[in-house]
């Protein structure tokens, strides 16, 4: 699938809810918008067009954050600050996480050289390494394509403030897509399992906090860990 295909599918999705489409259109008039991660991955992998429940959008912009917040306030959007020093905006039933490119953790902490092209190299899991430049109509998917080609979930950038959450997400993806886990990834499970006998319980609690529900049965998490670590 190429940039044009993703752009067309994204436009179809956005236009299913006029308020979401208007929000994105208005924001893109003065900011470069990079759609990042799960929503673009799902559009890429699915033959059907399913409306995501949320979007991650990275702003590549020189406009001050106070001006962006003022726009939300004037437009009557419900919003709050998120963990990226950006905003979580509620538009009807859709939630949008927005943050500035240079506030991406790996850029902010000088782990990866700052650029739009390098955004997909800031992720922990290769399945998250996909982004679409809404203004420029360009798809960045080199990292993701490797995962899809090999049917293997691997680590892109190990240094991450939410490593255990990403280890939980890797198990969810393994079950969802029937992909294997790389040797590097298995070593990280071993690292934490040797330190914490209650790792399965911790990962189960993380999924409830992150997803608001259980994506995997706790017994399945425990079985996966025991298969890898015992």
Foldseek 3Di string as FASTA:
>chain_A
DFLVQLLVLVVVLQVVDVQSVVVVVVVVVQWWKKWFFDQSLCSVPDPDRDRDQETEIETAHPDDLVVVVVVCVVVVWDWDADPLRHIWTDRPSHIYHYYYQCSLPCNVVVVDPGDPLCPLLSDQKLCRSWMAGNVVSHIRRPSNVVCVVQLEIETRDCDDPPNLQVLLVRLLCCVVSVGYYDPRSLVVLQVVCVVDVCSLVVSQVSCCVPVVDGSDDSVSSVVVSVVSHD
